[in-house]
Protein backbone atom coordinates (compact mmCIF):
# COMPACT_ATOMS: atom_id res chain seq x y z
CA MET A 1 0.16 0.03 -0.12
CA ARG A 2 3.07 2.47 -0.45
CA GLY A 3 2.18 5.97 -1.45
CA ARG A 4 -1.76 5.47 -0.60
CA ARG A 5 -3.17 6.01 3.05
CA ILE A 6 -5.95 5.06 4.98
CA ASN A 7 -8.43 7.95 6.59
CA LEU A 8 -10.19 6.77 9.57
CA THR A 9 -13.39 8.54 10.71
CA PHE A 10 -14.63 8.65 14.27
CA HIS A 11 -17.84 10.42 15.52
CA GLY A 12 -18.14 10.06 19.23
CA VAL A 13 -16.75 8.47 22.38
CA GLY A 14 -17.92 7.50 25.51
CA GLU A 15 -21.33 8.15 26.59
CA ALA A 16 -23.00 10.73 24.23
CA GLU A 17 -24.31 13.72 26.31
CA ARG A 18 -27.29 14.20 23.75
CA PRO A 19 -29.78 12.27 22.43
CA LEU A 20 -28.59 10.00 19.35
CA GLU A 21 -30.34 10.34 15.93
CA PRO A 22 -31.51 6.61 14.65
CA GLY A 23 -28.46 4.54 13.40
CA GLU A 24 -25.98 6.77 15.33
CA GLU A 25 -25.18 4.96 18.39
CA LEU A 26 -23.47 2.66 15.86
CA LEU A 27 -20.74 5.25 14.88
CA TRP A 28 -20.19 5.55 18.93
CA LEU A 29 -17.39 3.86 20.17
CA ASP A 30 -16.43 3.21 23.91
CA HIS A 31 -13.45 4.38 25.38
CA ASP A 32 -11.48 0.85 25.42
CA GLN A 33 -12.54 0.65 21.58
CA PHE A 34 -11.13 3.97 20.79
CA GLU A 35 -7.85 3.30 22.84
CA SER A 36 -7.22 0.54 20.82
CA VAL A 37 -7.50 1.91 17.65
CA LEU A 38 -5.63 4.77 18.44
CA ASP A 39 -2.89 2.18 19.74
CA SER A 40 -2.60 0.33 16.49
CA VAL A 41 -2.32 3.26 14.45
CA ALA A 42 0.28 5.26 16.56
CA GLY A 43 3.23 5.67 14.65
CA ARG A 44 1.44 5.07 11.10
CA SER A 45 2.53 7.48 8.73
CA ASP A 46 0.01 5.85 6.35
CA VAL A 47 -2.96 6.67 8.50
CA ARG A 48 -5.01 9.75 9.08
CA ILE A 49 -7.67 10.57 11.59
CA THR A 50 -10.53 12.64 11.48
CA PHE A 51 -13.45 13.41 13.70
CA ASP A 52 -17.43 14.27 11.98
CA ASP A 53 -20.00 16.52 13.54
CA GLY A 54 -18.12 18.67 16.33
CA ASN A 55 -19.23 16.52 19.30
CA ALA A 56 -18.37 17.51 23.07
CA SER A 57 -16.59 14.09 23.37
CA ASP A 58 -14.07 15.44 20.68
CA VAL A 59 -12.52 17.73 23.19
CA GLU A 60 -13.46 15.48 26.21
CA HIS A 61 -12.31 12.34 25.31
CA ALA A 62 -10.86 12.41 21.85
CA LEU A 63 -8.03 15.28 22.53
CA PRO A 64 -6.41 13.95 25.37
CA GLN A 65 -5.93 10.18 23.94
CA LEU A 66 -4.55 11.41 20.43
CA GLN A 67 -2.08 14.11 22.88
CA ARG A 68 -1.03 10.89 24.76
CA ARG A 69 -0.10 9.17 21.77
CA GLY A 70 1.26 12.12 19.86
CA LEU A 71 -1.32 12.08 17.27
CA THR A 72 -3.09 14.49 15.40
CA ALA A 73 -6.54 14.83 13.47
CA THR A 74 -8.70 16.89 11.82
CA PHE A 75 -11.99 17.82 13.27
CA PHE A 76 -14.96 18.17 10.84
CA VAL A 77 -17.29 20.80 12.72
CA VAL A 78 -20.86 21.09 12.09
CA ALA A 79 -20.84 25.28 12.24
CA GLY A 80 -25.00 25.47 12.89
CA ARG A 81 -24.34 23.37 16.02
CA LEU A 82 -21.89 25.04 17.57
CA GLY A 83 -22.96 25.56 21.28
CA SER A 84 -25.91 23.34 21.21
CA PRO A 85 -26.09 20.56 24.08
CA GLY A 86 -23.89 17.49 23.62
CA PHE A 87 -21.97 19.18 20.61
CA LEU A 88 -18.83 21.49 20.58
CA ASP A 89 -18.77 25.36 21.36
CA GLU A 90 -16.68 27.71 20.00
CA GLY A 91 -14.65 28.01 23.07
CA ARG A 92 -13.82 24.19 22.49
CA VAL A 93 -13.06 24.38 18.65
CA ARG A 94 -10.26 26.91 19.81
CA VAL A 95 -9.10 24.30 22.12
CA LEU A 96 -8.82 21.84 19.18
CA ALA A 97 -7.29 24.29 17.15
CA GLY A 98 -4.69 25.41 19.53
CA ALA A 99 -3.56 21.84 20.16
CA GLY A 100 -2.31 21.75 16.93
CA MET A 101 -5.61 19.58 15.34
CA GLU A 102 -7.29 21.14 11.70
CA ILE A 103 -10.56 22.08 11.83
CA GLY A 104 -12.47 21.35 8.91
CA CYS A 105 -15.95 22.08 7.50
CA HIS A 106 -19.16 19.61 7.72
CA GLY A 107 -21.81 22.27 6.84
CA MET A 108 -24.13 24.17 8.66
CA ARG A 109 -27.10 22.10 9.60
CA HIS A 110 -25.36 18.64 8.43
CA ARG A 111 -27.59 17.76 5.68
CA PRO A 112 -26.70 15.56 2.63
CA TRP A 113 -25.25 18.33 0.14
CA ARG A 114 -26.46 16.44 -2.94
CA GLY A 115 -29.33 17.85 -3.98
CA LEU A 116 -29.41 21.16 -2.30
CA ASP A 117 -30.21 24.37 -4.28
CA GLU A 118 -27.75 26.75 -4.78
CA ARG A 119 -28.60 29.13 -1.88
CA ALA A 120 -28.71 26.28 0.53
CA LEU A 121 -25.25 24.87 -0.58
CA TRP A 122 -23.75 28.24 -0.28
CA GLU A 123 -24.98 28.33 3.25
CA GLU A 124 -23.42 24.55 3.86
CA VAL A 125 -20.28 25.15 2.10
CA VAL A 126 -19.52 28.54 2.13
CA HIS A 127 -21.15 30.45 5.13
CA ALA A 128 -20.36 27.70 7.41
CA ARG A 129 -16.66 27.87 6.60
CA ARG A 130 -16.50 31.68 7.01
CA LEU A 131 -18.01 31.00 10.93
CA LEU A 132 -15.49 28.18 11.58
CA GLU A 133 -12.65 30.50 10.24
CA HIS A 134 -13.86 33.52 12.30
CA VAL A 135 -13.85 30.85 15.69
CA VAL A 136 -10.12 29.39 14.88
CA ASP A 137 -8.89 32.71 13.04
CA ARG A 138 -7.42 30.64 9.99
CA PRO A 139 -8.41 29.52 6.93
CA VAL A 140 -10.71 26.46 6.94
CA THR A 141 -9.41 24.58 3.78
CA GLU A 142 -11.09 20.83 3.99
CA ALA A 143 -14.55 19.94 3.84
CA ALA A 144 -16.37 16.68 4.85
CA CYS A 145 -19.32 15.93 2.94
CA PRO A 146 -22.64 15.16 5.42
CA PHE A 147 -23.46 11.57 5.00
CA GLY A 148 -21.12 10.94 2.08
CA ALA A 149 -23.62 12.39 -0.01
CA TYR A 150 -22.02 14.03 -3.19
CA ASP A 151 -22.32 14.32 -6.92
CA ARG A 152 -20.23 16.28 -9.66
CA ARG A 153 -22.14 19.71 -8.87
CA VAL A 154 -21.27 19.71 -5.03
CA LEU A 155 -17.48 18.79 -6.13
CA ARG A 156 -17.45 21.76 -8.48
CA PHE A 157 -19.06 23.78 -6.03
CA LEU A 158 -16.45 23.08 -3.41
CA ARG A 159 -13.70 23.77 -6.00
CA ARG A 160 -14.95 26.89 -7.06
CA HIS A 161 -14.93 28.07 -3.15
CA ARG A 162 -11.50 26.66 -3.29
CA TYR A 163 -11.37 23.70 -0.71
CA ARG A 164 -7.95 22.11 -0.74
CA ARG A 165 -9.11 19.06 -0.03
CA THR A 166 -12.40 16.92 0.08
CA TYR A 167 -13.47 13.84 2.28
CA THR A 168 -16.18 11.53 1.53
CA SER A 169 -17.33 8.18 2.87
CA ASP A 170 -16.29 6.04 -0.30
CA ARG A 171 -14.04 3.72 1.65
CA GLY A 172 -10.71 2.46 0.56
CA THR A 173 -7.20 4.08 0.61
CA ALA A 174 -6.66 7.22 -0.92
CA ARG A 175 -3.42 8.95 -2.28
CA PRO A 176 -2.66 11.83 0.31
CA GLY A 177 -2.02 14.32 -2.60
CA ASP A 178 -5.46 13.66 -3.82
CA TRP A 179 -8.25 16.54 -3.72
CA ILE A 180 -10.93 13.86 -3.17
CA GLN A 181 -10.06 11.75 -0.09
CA ALA A 182 -11.97 8.46 0.56
CA ARG A 183 -12.52 7.69 4.66
CA ASN A 184 -13.58 4.83 6.38
CA THR A 185 -15.43 5.35 9.08
CA VAL A 186 -14.84 3.49 12.49
CA ARG A 187 -18.09 1.85 14.07
CA ALA A 188 -18.78 0.24 17.39
CA GLY A 189 -17.99 -3.16 16.96
CA THR A 190 -15.52 -2.76 14.22
CA PRO A 191 -12.52 -5.37 14.64
CA ARG A 192 -9.22 -4.39 16.12
CA ARG A 193 -6.44 -4.92 14.52
């Protein structure tokens, strides 16, 4: 797999601080499973770690475990959820950024981007990014498509608005320099290696 990498996606760690949407519990890992996955990838240059949604557990549980192992990650935050119960607030997003983590855009309302009209897509891709850039006071150049929903129109829109990299849920490996990055969601019960 030389020249390729594996992008892993996490959603939540530990006990959720909010009611989960139907099926979302499959995306939350207990502490032991999360730490086991991190232990298995620590020191590997072919693995990149990402988090979706901007859950409070990103700072409370994930960040200390990443730091303990000398790992970094990109956190794709839903800008419209900032400060909502169980999600990150602006201060916690700044904590992640200050700890050397990247902040990426996961939209405004966590809705599929495919099929949105131009105005709604602008809100998800441009307005959400501007809000996040205001919070972290630096450019936000990466996006992750909610639910992995994208099409050519969405990709053209992201390119037009100068996103440097776009992450999907397509699974598999990716070349580090590619603009589109396939990701692999780590689920509760995913076998440990």
